[in-house]
Amino acid sequence: MEQRKIQRIVFMPPDKIGTDRREFLLQTLKQNRDKLHSQKDGYIVEIVKIIDWSNQVSSITGNILFNTNLLVNSIVLKKNLEIPVTVTMILAPGILCNYYDIKIWVPISNTNGFKFISNMLIKKKQQISVGSTINVKLSEIRYEKKKFSCIASLVT
């Protein structure tokens, strides 16, 4: 995870003009954090603070447009990145994992010899079950509709 400076536009309707601007911007950005993700800036985990902003009034809607500069904690997903994930589901074809809200699929062919037995993956004396934390290496990153999903390999 790294801290990054990013820019986003926030709309303030005319009926909110009397409210504290910094607080309004921060609350609006936090409520819409899942819409802040991008391929360039990565998965936004947390908004640390608003650095500054500039504004103008939209001649069409009457809304105030705030161009905000934010400091965020972000995860930039890259091929070959190794991360710890939580196993959420084990199926015969592979493992579904979660890293923050990012869905990660590990096909059974990428589990380094683990076998699916009774809703677990087993290899010699090692077992992986739902709730286990495992390390994976990302092999493919997809970004669609402001959401990330990945395909990975188990790191043993």
C-alpha atoms as a PDB file:
ATOM      1  CA  MET A   1       0.000   0.000   0.000  1.00  0.00           C
ATOM      2  CA  GLU A   2       1.235   3.474  -0.773  1.00  0.00           C
ATOM      3  CA  GLN A   3       0.121   7.041  -0.245  1.00  0.00           C
ATOM      4  CA  ARG A   4      -0.743   8.864  -3.458  1.00  0.00           C
ATOM      5  CA  LYS A   5      -1.989  12.288  -4.383  1.00  0.00           C
ATOM      6  CA  ILE A   6      -5.010  12.091  -6.698  1.00  0.00           C
ATOM      7  CA  GLN A   7      -7.515  14.535  -8.175  1.00  0.00           C
ATOM      8  CA  ARG A   8     -11.268  14.096  -8.335  1.00  0.00           C
ATOM      9  CA  ILE A   9     -14.249  16.349  -9.070  1.00  0.00           C
ATOM     10  CA  VAL A  10     -17.040  16.632  -6.495  1.00  0.00           C
ATOM     11  CA  PHE A  11     -20.423  18.264  -7.157  1.00  0.00           C
ATOM     12  CA  MET A  12     -22.080  20.330  -4.423  1.00  0.00           C
ATOM     13  CA  PRO A  13     -25.773  21.087  -4.989  1.00  0.00           C
ATOM     14  CA  PRO A  14     -26.931  24.675  -4.304  1.00  0.00           C
ATOM     15  CA  ASP A  15     -28.867  23.628  -1.175  1.00  0.00           C
ATOM     16  CA  LYS A  16     -25.585  22.564   0.509  1.00  0.00           C
ATOM     17  CA  ILE A  17     -23.800  25.913  -0.001  1.00  0.00           C
ATOM     18  CA  GLY A  18     -24.012  26.877   3.687  1.00  0.00           C
ATOM     19  CA  THR A  19     -22.313  23.697   4.912  1.00  0.00           C
ATOM     20  CA  ASP A  20     -18.625  23.379   5.784  1.00  0.00           C
ATOM     21  CA  ARG A  21     -16.937  22.732   2.426  1.00  0.00           C
ATOM     22  CA  ARG A  22     -14.055  20.604   3.665  1.00  0.00           C
ATOM     23  CA  GLU A  23     -16.383  18.363   5.678  1.00  0.00           C
ATOM     24  CA  PHE A  24     -18.866  18.081   2.776  1.00  0.00           C
ATOM     25  CA  LEU A  25     -16.088  17.154   0.336  1.00  0.00           C
ATOM     26  CA  LEU A  26     -14.541  14.611   2.711  1.00  0.00           C
ATOM     27  CA  GLN A  27     -17.886  12.942   3.506  1.00  0.00           C
ATOM     28  CA  THR A  28     -18.939  12.859  -0.162  1.00  0.00           C
ATOM     29  CA  LEU A  29     -15.620  11.328  -1.215  1.00  0.00           C
ATOM     30  CA  LYS A  30     -15.708   8.734   1.596  1.00  0.00           C
ATOM     31  CA  GLN A  31     -19.293   7.749   0.743  1.00  0.00           C
ATOM     32  CA  ASN A  32     -18.303   7.314  -2.902  1.00  0.00           C
ATOM     33  CA  ARG A  33     -14.876   5.738  -2.312  1.00  0.00           C
ATOM     34  CA  ASP A  34     -15.744   2.738  -4.497  1.00  0.00           C
ATOM     35  CA  LYS A  35     -16.111   5.137  -7.461  1.00  0.00           C
ATOM     36  CA  LEU A  36     -12.645   6.638  -6.946  1.00  0.00           C
ATOM     37  CA  HIS A  37     -10.684   3.563  -8.070  1.00  0.00           C
ATOM     38  CA  SER A  38      -8.855   3.737 -11.398  1.00  0.00           C
ATOM     39  CA  GLN A  39      -6.233   1.773 -13.260  1.00  0.00           C
ATOM     40  CA  LYS A  40      -3.769   4.628 -12.849  1.00  0.00           C
ATOM     41  CA  ASP A  41      -4.417   5.341  -9.151  1.00  0.00           C
ATOM     42  CA  GLY A  42      -5.265   1.767  -8.137  1.00  0.00           C
ATOM     43  CA  TYR A  43      -7.700   0.540  -5.515  1.00  0.00           C
ATOM     44  CA  ILE A  44      -8.394   3.355  -3.035  1.00  0.00           C
ATOM     45  CA  VAL A  45      -8.333   1.852   0.451  1.00  0.00           C
ATOM     46  CA  GLU A  46      -8.682   5.057   2.452  1.00  0.00           C
ATOM     47  CA  ILE A  47      -8.977   8.802   1.988  1.00  0.00           C
ATOM     48  CA  VAL A  48      -6.350  10.297   4.296  1.00  0.00           C
ATOM     49  CA  LYS A  49      -7.110  13.992   3.789  1.00  0.00           C
ATOM     50  CA  ILE A  50      -8.130  16.691   1.365  1.00  0.00           C
ATOM     51  CA  ILE A  51      -5.065  18.718   0.452  1.00  0.00           C
ATOM     52  CA  ASP A  52      -6.816  21.571  -1.363  1.00  0.00           C
ATOM     53  CA  TRP A  53      -9.527  22.397  -3.863  1.00  0.00           C
ATOM     54  CA  SER A  54     -10.648  24.920  -6.417  1.00  0.00           C
ATOM     55  CA  ASN A  55     -14.221  25.512  -7.485  1.00  0.00           C
ATOM     56  CA  GLN A  56     -16.509  26.958 -10.106  1.00  0.00           C
ATOM     57  CA  VAL A  57     -20.260  27.080 -10.643  1.00  0.00           C
ATOM     58  CA  SER A  58     -21.765  24.984 -13.421  1.00  0.00           C
ATOM     59  CA  SER A  59     -23.729  27.245 -15.764  1.00  0.00           C
ATOM     60  CA  ILE A  60     -25.939  24.269 -16.675  1.00  0.00           C
ATOM     61  CA  THR A  61     -26.899  22.732 -13.310  1.00  0.00           C
ATOM     62  CA  GLY A  62     -26.049  25.462 -10.804  1.00  0.00           C
ATOM     63  CA  ASN A  63     -23.950  22.932  -8.869  1.00  0.00           C
ATOM     64  CA  ILE A  64     -20.580  23.961  -7.516  1.00  0.00           C
ATOM     65  CA  LEU A  65     -17.822  21.839  -9.055  1.00  0.00           C
ATOM     66  CA  PHE A  66     -14.898  21.246  -6.707  1.00  0.00           C
ATOM     67  CA  ASN A  67     -11.653  20.035  -8.256  1.00  0.00           C
ATOM     68  CA  THR A  68     -10.124  18.366  -5.186  1.00  0.00           C
ATOM     69  CA  ASN A  69      -6.596  17.180  -4.528  1.00  0.00           C
ATOM     70  CA  LEU A  70      -6.595  14.266  -2.081  1.00  0.00           C
ATOM     71  CA  LEU A  71      -4.070  12.182  -0.239  1.00  0.00           C
ATOM     72  CA  VAL A  72      -5.168   8.527  -0.289  1.00  0.00           C
ATOM     73  CA  ASN A  73      -3.881   5.115   0.689  1.00  0.00           C
ATOM     74  CA  SER A  74      -3.948   3.084  -2.499  1.00  0.00           C
ATOM     75  CA  ILE A  75      -2.983  -0.346  -3.768  1.00  0.00           C
ATOM     76  CA  VAL A  76      -1.660  -0.312  -7.306  1.00  0.00           C
ATOM     77  CA  LEU A  77      -2.133  -3.829  -8.644  1.00  0.00           C
ATOM     78  CA  LYS A  78       0.604  -5.104 -10.949  1.00  0.00           C
ATOM     79  CA  LYS A  79       1.441  -8.373 -12.607  1.00  0.00           C
ATOM     80  CA  ASN A  80       3.695 -10.553 -10.387  1.00  0.00           C
ATOM     81  CA  LEU A  81       2.726  -8.640  -7.222  1.00  0.00           C
ATOM     82  CA  GLU A  82       2.624 -11.006  -4.219  1.00  0.00           C
ATOM     83  CA  ILE A  83      -0.112 -10.311  -1.678  1.00  0.00           C
ATOM     84  CA  PRO A  84      -1.747 -12.073   1.293  1.00  0.00           C
ATOM     85  CA  VAL A  85      -5.405 -12.912   0.615  1.00  0.00           C
ATOM     86  CA  THR A  86      -8.267 -14.492   2.527  1.00  0.00           C
ATOM     87  CA  VAL A  87      -9.858 -17.617   1.071  1.00  0.00           C
ATOM     88  CA  THR A  88     -13.620 -17.078   0.708  1.00  0.00           C
ATOM     89  CA  MET A  89     -14.605 -20.168  -1.294  1.00  0.00           C
ATOM     90  CA  ILE A  90     -12.973 -23.415  -2.401  1.00  0.00           C
ATOM     91  CA  LEU A  91     -14.308 -25.273  -5.421  1.00  0.00           C
ATOM     92  CA  ALA A  92     -12.961 -28.144  -7.500  1.00  0.00           C
ATOM     93  CA  PRO A  93     -11.831 -25.742 -10.269  1.00  0.00           C
ATOM     94  CA  GLY A  94     -10.023 -23.363  -7.887  1.00  0.00           C
ATOM     95  CA  ILE A  95     -10.015 -20.896  -5.007  1.00  0.00           C
ATOM     96  CA  LEU A  96     -11.907 -17.609  -4.711  1.00  0.00           C
ATOM     97  CA  CYS A  97     -10.081 -15.118  -2.517  1.00  0.00           C
ATOM     98  CA  ASN A  98     -10.546 -11.583  -1.271  1.00  0.00           C
ATOM     99  CA  TYR A  99      -8.034  -8.771  -0.828  1.00  0.00           C
ATOM    100  CA  TYR A 100      -9.875  -5.781   0.612  1.00  0.00           C
ATOM    101  CA  ASP A 101     -12.870  -5.832  -1.786  1.00  0.00           C
ATOM    102  CA  ILE A 102     -10.892  -7.196  -4.728  1.00  0.00           C
ATOM    103  CA  LYS A 103     -11.947 -10.644  -5.946  1.00  0.00           C
ATOM    104  CA  ILE A 104      -9.060 -12.957  -6.845  1.00  0.00           C
ATOM    105  CA  TRP A 105      -9.410 -16.309  -8.586  1.00  0.00           C
ATOM    106  CA  VAL A 106      -6.714 -18.987  -8.268  1.00  0.00           C
ATOM    107  CA  PRO A 107      -7.369 -21.812 -10.762  1.00  0.00           C
ATOM    108  CA  ILE A 108      -6.618 -25.303  -9.444  1.00  0.00           C
ATOM    109  CA  SER A 109      -3.879 -25.563 -12.083  1.00  0.00           C
ATOM    110  CA  ASN A 110      -2.098 -22.647 -10.338  1.00  0.00           C
ATOM    111  CA  THR A 111      -2.080 -24.169  -6.832  1.00  0.00           C
ATOM    112  CA  ASN A 112       1.282 -25.976  -7.121  1.00  0.00           C
ATOM    113  CA  GLY A 113      -0.009 -29.503  -6.645  1.00  0.00           C
ATOM    114  CA  PHE A 114      -2.817 -28.974  -4.134  1.00  0.00           C
ATOM    115  CA  LYS A 115      -5.806 -31.297  -4.624  1.00  0.00           C
ATOM    116  CA  PHE A 116      -9.468 -30.578  -3.934  1.00  0.00           C
ATOM    117  CA  ILE A 117     -10.756 -32.950  -1.215  1.00  0.00           C
ATOM    118  CA  SER A 118     -13.885 -32.358   0.898  1.00  0.00           C
ATOM    119  CA  ASN A 119     -14.131 -28.589   0.332  1.00  0.00           C
ATOM    120  CA  MET A 120     -10.444 -28.104   1.148  1.00  0.00           C
ATOM    121  CA  LEU A 121      -7.198 -28.067  -0.771  1.00  0.00           C
ATOM    122  CA  ILE A 122      -4.664 -30.561   0.501  1.00  0.00           C
ATOM    123  CA  LYS A 123      -1.018 -31.217  -0.331  1.00  0.00           C
ATOM    124  CA  LYS A 124       0.881 -33.612   1.922  1.00  0.00           C
ATOM    125  CA  LYS A 125       0.304 -32.170   5.428  1.00  0.00           C
ATOM    126  CA  GLN A 126      -0.711 -28.708   4.242  1.00  0.00           C
ATOM    127  CA  GLN A 127      -4.387 -27.722   4.160  1.00  0.00           C
ATOM    128  CA  ILE A 128      -6.169 -24.676   2.803  1.00  0.00           C
ATOM    129  CA  SER A 129      -9.728 -24.040   3.928  1.00  0.00           C
ATOM    130  CA  VAL A 130     -12.219 -21.181   3.838  1.00  0.00           C
ATOM    131  CA  GLY A 131     -10.909 -18.394   6.074  1.00  0.00           C
ATOM    132  CA  SER A 132      -7.245 -19.310   5.552  1.00  0.00           C
ATOM    133  CA  THR A 133      -4.780 -16.588   4.634  1.00  0.00           C
ATOM    134  CA  ILE A 134      -2.580 -17.533   1.692  1.00  0.00           C
ATOM    135  CA  ASN A 135      -0.041 -15.704  -0.431  1.00  0.00           C
ATOM    136  CA  VAL A 136      -0.717 -15.344  -4.143  1.00  0.00           C
ATOM    137  CA  LYS A 137       1.110 -13.848  -7.106  1.00  0.00           C
ATOM    138  CA  LEU A 138      -1.044 -11.856  -9.514  1.00  0.00           C
ATOM    139  CA  SER A 139      -0.878 -12.991 -13.137  1.00  0.00           C
ATOM    140  CA  GLU A 140      -3.765 -11.021 -14.646  1.00  0.00           C
ATOM    141  CA  ILE A 141      -5.501  -7.842 -13.529  1.00  0.00           C
ATOM    142  CA  ARG A 142      -8.869  -6.786 -14.887  1.00  0.00           C
ATOM    143  CA  TYR A 143     -10.480  -3.410 -14.360  1.00  0.00           C
ATOM    144  CA  GLU A 144     -14.104  -3.048 -15.416  1.00  0.00           C
ATOM    145  CA  LYS A 145     -16.864  -0.743 -14.166  1.00  0.00           C
ATOM    146  CA  LYS A 146     -14.628   0.780 -11.476  1.00  0.00           C
ATOM    147  CA  LYS A 147     -13.875  -2.680 -10.002  1.00  0.00           C
ATOM    148  CA  PHE A 148     -10.753  -4.798  -9.982  1.00  0.00           C
ATOM    149  CA  SER A 149     -10.616  -8.570 -10.290  1.00  0.00           C
ATOM    150  CA  CYS A 150      -7.539 -10.723 -10.684  1.00  0.00           C
ATOM    151  CA  ILE A 151      -6.263 -14.171 -11.576  1.00  0.00           C
ATOM    152  CA  ALA A 152      -3.356 -15.421  -9.515  1.00  0.00           C
ATOM    153  CA  SER A 153      -1.102 -18.328  -8.614  1.00  0.00           C
ATOM    154  CA  LEU A 154      -0.611 -19.768  -5.149  1.00  0.00           C
ATOM    155  CA  VAL A 155       2.786 -18.982  -3.653  1.00  0.00           C
ATOM    156  CA  THR A 156       4.102 -21.875  -1.562  1.00  0.00           C
END
